[in-house]
Amino acid sequence: MSEDIGLFEAMYTQRALRYLKSDPVPDDLVRKVIEAGIRAPNGGNSQQWGFV
C-alpha cells in the first residue's frame, strides 16, 4: 500500500476474507502486534488477555 489510510476508512472499506496468503508473517511484526494487544486498555485493568 503506497499511501496511509485513516483508521475509519480502513474499517469501513474492509471486506471479509475467505482466502489468506500463505506468506509467513515476520516474527518482528507478530511481536509488535502482540505488544500492542497487551498494552491495549481493558475493563477494570484486569490484564486477562490471551492470544490464539
PDB file of N, CA and C in Angstrom:
ATOM      1  N   MET A   1       0.855  -1.155   0.000  1.00  0.00           N
ATOM      2  CA  MET A   1       0.000   0.000   0.000  1.00  0.00           C
ATOM      3  C   MET A   1       0.906   1.224   0.000  1.00  0.00           C
ATOM      4  N   SER A   2       0.756   2.090  -0.943  1.00  0.00           N
ATOM      5  CA  SER A   2       1.676   3.197  -1.099  1.00  0.00           C
ATOM      6  C   SER A   2       1.306   4.414  -0.261  1.00  0.00           C
ATOM      7  N   GLU A   3       0.056   4.535   0.158  1.00  0.00           N
ATOM      8  CA  GLU A   3      -0.328   5.691   0.961  1.00  0.00           C
ATOM      9  C   GLU A   3      -1.070   5.232   2.207  1.00  0.00           C
ATOM     10  N   ASP A   4      -0.912   5.987   3.264  1.00  0.00           N
ATOM     11  CA  ASP A   4      -1.601   5.653   4.505  1.00  0.00           C
ATOM     12  C   ASP A   4      -3.073   6.019   4.391  1.00  0.00           C
ATOM     13  N   ILE A   5      -3.928   5.176   4.971  1.00  0.00           N
ATOM     14  CA  ILE A   5      -5.349   5.491   5.025  1.00  0.00           C
ATOM     15  C   ILE A   5      -5.745   5.605   6.486  1.00  0.00           C
ATOM     16  N   GLY A   6      -6.801   6.342   6.752  1.00  0.00           N
ATOM     17  CA  GLY A   6      -7.251   6.531   8.119  1.00  0.00           C
ATOM     18  C   GLY A   6      -7.860   5.262   8.696  1.00  0.00           C
ATOM     19  N   LEU A   7      -7.910   5.206  10.006  1.00  0.00           N
ATOM     20  CA  LEU A   7      -8.447   4.041  10.697  1.00  0.00           C
ATOM     21  C   LEU A   7      -9.880   3.759  10.282  1.00  0.00           C
ATOM     22  N   PHE A   8     -10.727   4.781  10.305  1.00  0.00           N
ATOM     23  CA  PHE A   8     -12.135   4.553   9.990  1.00  0.00           C
ATOM     24  C   PHE A   8     -12.337   4.190   8.522  1.00  0.00           C
ATOM     25  N   GLU A   9     -11.550   4.772   7.641  1.00  0.00           N
ATOM     26  CA  GLU A   9     -11.649   4.392   6.227  1.00  0.00           C
ATOM     27  C   GLU A   9     -11.281   2.921   6.060  1.00  0.00           C
ATOM     28  N   ALA A  10     -10.261   2.481   6.761  1.00  0.00           N
ATOM     29  CA  ALA A  10      -9.869   1.068   6.697  1.00  0.00           C
ATOM     30  C   ALA A  10     -10.975   0.180   7.247  1.00  0.00           C
ATOM     31  N   MET A  11     -11.595   0.596   8.356  1.00  0.00           N
ATOM     32  CA  MET A  11     -12.661  -0.211   8.958  1.00  0.00           C
ATOM     33  C   MET A  11     -13.897  -0.256   8.065  1.00  0.00           C
ATOM     34  N   TYR A  12     -14.250   0.874   7.484  1.00  0.00           N
ATOM     35  CA  TYR A  12     -15.472   0.947   6.676  1.00  0.00           C
ATOM     36  C   TYR A  12     -15.335   0.238   5.334  1.00  0.00           C
ATOM     37  N   THR A  13     -14.130   0.115   4.825  1.00  0.00           N
ATOM     38  CA  THR A  13     -13.940  -0.469   3.497  1.00  0.00           C
ATOM     39  C   THR A  13     -13.409  -1.900   3.540  1.00  0.00           C
ATOM     40  N   GLN A  14     -13.214  -2.446   4.731  1.00  0.00           N
ATOM     41  CA  GLN A  14     -12.702  -3.811   4.864  1.00  0.00           C
ATOM     42  C   GLN A  14     -13.737  -4.826   4.388  1.00  0.00           C
ATOM     43  N   ARG A  15     -13.291  -5.798   3.644  1.00  0.00           N
ATOM     44  CA  ARG A  15     -14.168  -6.880   3.176  1.00  0.00           C
ATOM     45  C   ARG A  15     -13.811  -8.165   3.902  1.00  0.00           C
ATOM     46  N   ALA A  16     -14.757  -9.075   3.930  1.00  0.00           N
ATOM     47  CA  ALA A  16     -14.488 -10.383   4.522  1.00  0.00           C
ATOM     48  C   ALA A  16     -13.482 -11.126   3.641  1.00  0.00           C
ATOM     49  N   LEU A  17     -12.519 -11.773   4.271  1.00  0.00           N
ATOM     50  CA  LEU A  17     -11.501 -12.511   3.528  1.00  0.00           C
ATOM     51  C   LEU A  17     -11.761 -14.000   3.660  1.00  0.00           C
ATOM     52  N   ARG A  18     -11.874 -14.651   2.538  1.00  0.00           N
ATOM     53  CA  ARG A  18     -12.095 -16.093   2.540  1.00  0.00           C
ATOM     54  C   ARG A  18     -10.810 -16.862   2.260  1.00  0.00           C
ATOM     55  N   TYR A  19      -9.885 -16.208   1.611  1.00  0.00           N
ATOM     56  CA  TYR A  19      -8.620 -16.852   1.267  1.00  0.00           C
ATOM     57  C   TYR A  19      -7.480 -15.972   1.766  1.00  0.00           C
ATOM     58  N   LEU A  20      -6.585 -16.554   2.515  1.00  0.00           N
ATOM     59  CA  LEU A  20      -5.459 -15.818   3.051  1.00  0.00           C
ATOM     60  C   LEU A  20      -4.191 -16.204   2.309  1.00  0.00           C
ATOM     61  N   LYS A  21      -3.251 -15.286   2.268  1.00  0.00           N
ATOM     62  CA  LYS A  21      -1.965 -15.582   1.656  1.00  0.00           C
ATOM     63  C   LYS A  21      -1.231 -16.617   2.494  1.00  0.00           C
ATOM     64  N   SER A  22      -0.426 -17.405   1.851  1.00  0.00           N
ATOM     65  CA  SER A  22       0.370 -18.397   2.578  1.00  0.00           C
ATOM     66  C   SER A  22       1.729 -17.832   2.997  1.00  0.00           C
ATOM     67  N   ASP A  23       1.992 -16.554   2.666  1.00  0.00           N
ATOM     68  CA  ASP A  23       3.262 -15.931   3.042  1.00  0.00           C
ATOM     69  C   ASP A  23       3.390 -15.881   4.562  1.00  0.00           C
ATOM     70  N   PRO A  24       4.542 -16.246   5.093  1.00  0.00           N
ATOM     71  CA  PRO A  24       4.715 -16.174   6.549  1.00  0.00           C
ATOM     72  C   PRO A  24       4.758 -14.716   7.024  1.00  0.00           C
ATOM     73  N   VAL A  25       4.252 -14.483   8.215  1.00  0.00           N
ATOM     74  CA  VAL A  25       4.295 -13.147   8.816  1.00  0.00           C
ATOM     75  C   VAL A  25       5.614 -13.038   9.569  1.00  0.00           C
ATOM     76  N   PRO A  26       6.371 -11.970   9.330  1.00  0.00           N
ATOM     77  CA  PRO A  26       7.663 -11.827  10.011  1.00  0.00           C
ATOM     78  C   PRO A  26       7.497 -11.822  11.537  1.00  0.00           C
ATOM     79  N   ASP A  27       8.430 -12.469  12.231  1.00  0.00           N
ATOM     80  CA  ASP A  27       8.367 -12.566  13.689  1.00  0.00           C
ATOM     81  C   ASP A  27       8.315 -11.200  14.362  1.00  0.00           C
ATOM     82  N   ASP A  28       9.074 -10.222  13.841  1.00  0.00           N
ATOM     83  CA  ASP A  28       9.074  -8.903  14.472  1.00  0.00           C
ATOM     84  C   ASP A  28       7.706  -8.235  14.372  1.00  0.00           C
ATOM     85  N   LEU A  29       6.966  -8.477  13.294  1.00  0.00           N
ATOM     86  CA  LEU A  29       5.620  -7.922  13.160  1.00  0.00           C
ATOM     87  C   LEU A  29       4.657  -8.611  14.121  1.00  0.00           C
ATOM     88  N   VAL A  30       4.788  -9.922  14.270  1.00  0.00           N
ATOM     89  CA  VAL A  30       3.944 -10.660  15.221  1.00  0.00           C
ATOM     90  C   VAL A  30       4.179 -10.127  16.629  1.00  0.00           C
ATOM     91  N   ARG A  31       5.441  -9.936  16.998  1.00  0.00           N
ATOM     92  CA  ARG A  31       5.759  -9.409  18.329  1.00  0.00           C
ATOM     93  C   ARG A  31       5.171  -8.013  18.533  1.00  0.00           C
ATOM     94  N   LYS A  32       5.251  -7.184  17.495  1.00  0.00           N
ATOM     95  CA  LYS A  32       4.737  -5.814  17.578  1.00  0.00           C
ATOM     96  C   LYS A  32       3.217  -5.813  17.780  1.00  0.00           C
ATOM     97  N   VAL A  33       2.502  -6.674  17.073  1.00  0.00           N
ATOM     98  CA  VAL A  33       1.043  -6.763  17.200  1.00  0.00           C
ATOM     99  C   VAL A  33       0.662  -7.284  18.587  1.00  0.00           C
ATOM    100  N   ILE A  34       1.374  -8.294  19.074  1.00  0.00           N
ATOM    101  CA  ILE A  34       1.093  -8.824  20.415  1.00  0.00           C
ATOM    102  C   ILE A  34       1.373  -7.764  21.475  1.00  0.00           C
ATOM    103  N   GLU A  35       2.473  -7.050  21.335  1.00  0.00           N
ATOM    104  CA  GLU A  35       2.801  -5.983  22.286  1.00  0.00           C
ATOM    105  C   GLU A  35       1.709  -4.916  22.308  1.00  0.00           C
ATOM    106  N   ALA A  36       1.181  -4.557  21.144  1.00  0.00           N
ATOM    107  CA  ALA A  36       0.089  -3.578  21.087  1.00  0.00           C
ATOM    108  C   ALA A  36      -1.154  -4.123  21.781  1.00  0.00           C
ATOM    109  N   GLY A  37      -1.452  -5.403  21.598  1.00  0.00           N
ATOM    110  CA  GLY A  37      -2.608  -6.010  22.250  1.00  0.00           C
ATOM    111  C   GLY A  37      -2.461  -6.066  23.754  1.00  0.00           C
ATOM    112  N   ILE A  38      -1.264  -6.334  24.224  1.00  0.00           N
ATOM    113  CA  ILE A  38      -1.010  -6.386  25.666  1.00  0.00           C
ATOM    114  C   ILE A  38      -1.193  -5.010  26.297  1.00  0.00           C
ATOM    115  N   ARG A  39      -0.801  -3.976  25.579  1.00  0.00           N
ATOM    116  CA  ARG A  39      -0.865  -2.620  26.121  1.00  0.00           C
ATOM    117  C   ARG A  39      -2.217  -1.943  25.905  1.00  0.00           C
ATOM    118  N   ALA A  40      -3.125  -2.597  25.199  1.00  0.00           N
ATOM    119  CA  ALA A  40      -4.445  -2.012  24.950  1.00  0.00           C
ATOM    120  C   ALA A  40      -5.237  -1.933  26.254  1.00  0.00           C
ATOM    121  N   PRO A  41      -6.102  -0.919  26.379  1.00  0.00           N
ATOM    122  CA  PRO A  41      -6.910  -0.817  27.594  1.00  0.00           C
ATOM    123  C   PRO A  41      -7.870  -1.993  27.731  1.00  0.00           C
ATOM    124  N   ASN A  42      -8.201  -2.330  28.969  1.00  0.00           N
ATOM    125  CA  ASN A  42      -9.149  -3.412  29.209  1.00  0.00           C
ATOM    126  C   ASN A  42     -10.016  -3.063  30.410  1.00  0.00           C
ATOM    127  N   GLY A  43     -11.141  -3.729  30.525  1.00  0.00           N
ATOM    128  CA  GLY A  43     -12.092  -3.438  31.592  1.00  0.00           C
ATOM    129  C   GLY A  43     -11.516  -3.688  32.973  1.00  0.00           C
ATOM    130  N   GLY A  44     -11.514  -2.670  33.797  1.00  0.00           N
ATOM    131  CA  GLY A  44     -11.045  -2.819  35.164  1.00  0.00           C
ATOM    132  C   GLY A  44      -9.552  -3.064  35.283  1.00  0.00           C
ATOM    133  N   ASN A  45      -8.816  -2.860  34.205  1.00  0.00           N
ATOM    134  CA  ASN A  45      -7.371  -3.100  34.191  1.00  0.00           C
ATOM    135  C   ASN A  45      -7.055  -4.509  34.694  1.00  0.00           C
ATOM    136  N   SER A  46      -7.849  -5.476  34.262  1.00  0.00           N
ATOM    137  CA  SER A  46      -7.741  -6.840  34.777  1.00  0.00           C
ATOM    138  C   SER A  46      -6.577  -7.634  34.187  1.00  0.00           C
ATOM    139  N   GLN A  47      -6.001  -7.183  33.087  1.00  0.00           N
ATOM    140  CA  GLN A  47      -4.837  -7.822  32.464  1.00  0.00           C
ATOM    141  C   GLN A  47      -5.087  -9.259  32.043  1.00  0.00           C
ATOM    142  N   GLN A  48      -6.318  -9.638  31.824  1.00  0.00           N
ATOM    143  CA  GLN A  48      -6.595 -11.019  31.420  1.00  0.00           C
ATOM    144  C   GLN A  48      -6.718 -11.102  29.907  1.00  0.00           C
ATOM    145  N   TRP A  49      -5.591 -11.189  29.250  1.00  0.00           N
ATOM    146  CA  TRP A  49      -5.571 -11.276  27.801  1.00  0.00           C
ATOM    147  C   TRP A  49      -5.029 -12.630  27.389  1.00  0.00           C
ATOM    148  N   GLY A  50      -5.401 -13.031  26.187  1.00  0.00           N
ATOM    149  CA  GLY A  50      -4.907 -14.277  25.615  1.00  0.00           C
ATOM    150  C   GLY A  50      -4.882 -14.156  24.101  1.00  0.00           C
ATOM    151  N   PHE A  51      -3.996 -14.862  23.465  1.00  0.00           N
ATOM    152  CA  PHE A  51      -3.849 -14.791  22.015  1.00  0.00           C
ATOM    153  C   PHE A  51      -3.886 -16.186  21.426  1.00  0.00           C
ATOM    154  N   VAL A  52      -4.479 -16.293  20.253  1.00  0.00           N
ATOM    155  CA  VAL A  52      -4.576 -17.574  19.556  1.00  0.00           C
ATOM    156  C   VAL A  52      -3.627 -17.547  18.382  1.00  0.00           C
TER     157      VAL A  52
END
